[in-house]
């Protein structure tokens, strides 16, 4: 099994270097990821190491998969860790290309890396992707570049986005139970009006009983739902 030499950043933001075995370069990178190491260079032991992320395979899914807030938050956190360890911006973006799992976001970061390599500011490169990065996010990046505290700004952005994602998850979870109960309630009501009430109505008709107004209204609704269910299903124009 080949042995790969690597240079990267560990989860504490410190420089890490050493060797790792793997069936191929991709397997070696995945093993480093599980170890909490962000490789910036990787190559077979004894051979010249290559910058991680310089070559990208074509992935059809990148054009269809949505970029979630969690994906951008994780990328932001990783970028802040690498820049905080004095890794150059282009090398940081190269390392991110290997860590990002979302194909669409990886494609976006590759384009940003190319523009930064050509001399563009990070914020200007991100402005070309408004569906991935909000105006607030880009303005914060711009402020970080201007002040020279980009890693600090990225850390705060990551904290904000992670908190936002957790809040959204809590709100969705809180809404699921009432939604389920509403669906069950409507289902029970429909079942009563279409199956139970018609049978009770027939009993009252057989005995020719005098019914109170609320009961008559309920029976009328049941009859309407049974006879014209398609209007209730598709909505009355």
Foldseek 3Di string as FASTA:
>chain_A
DFKKWFWFAAQQLEIDTDIDDDPDPLRRCVVVVVRRTQTQWMDTPPDDIDGAQPDDDDDPCLVPDADDLLLVLVLLLQLLSNVVSVDDPLSSLRSSLSVRPRSVVSVLSNQLSVVVVVPDQSLVSCVVPCSRAPPVRSVLCVVCVVVVNNSVSSVVVSVVSVVVVVVVVVVVVVVPVVVVVVVVVVVVLLCCLAPVLVVVVVVCVVVVDDDDPVNVVSVVVSVCCNVPVVCVVVDPD
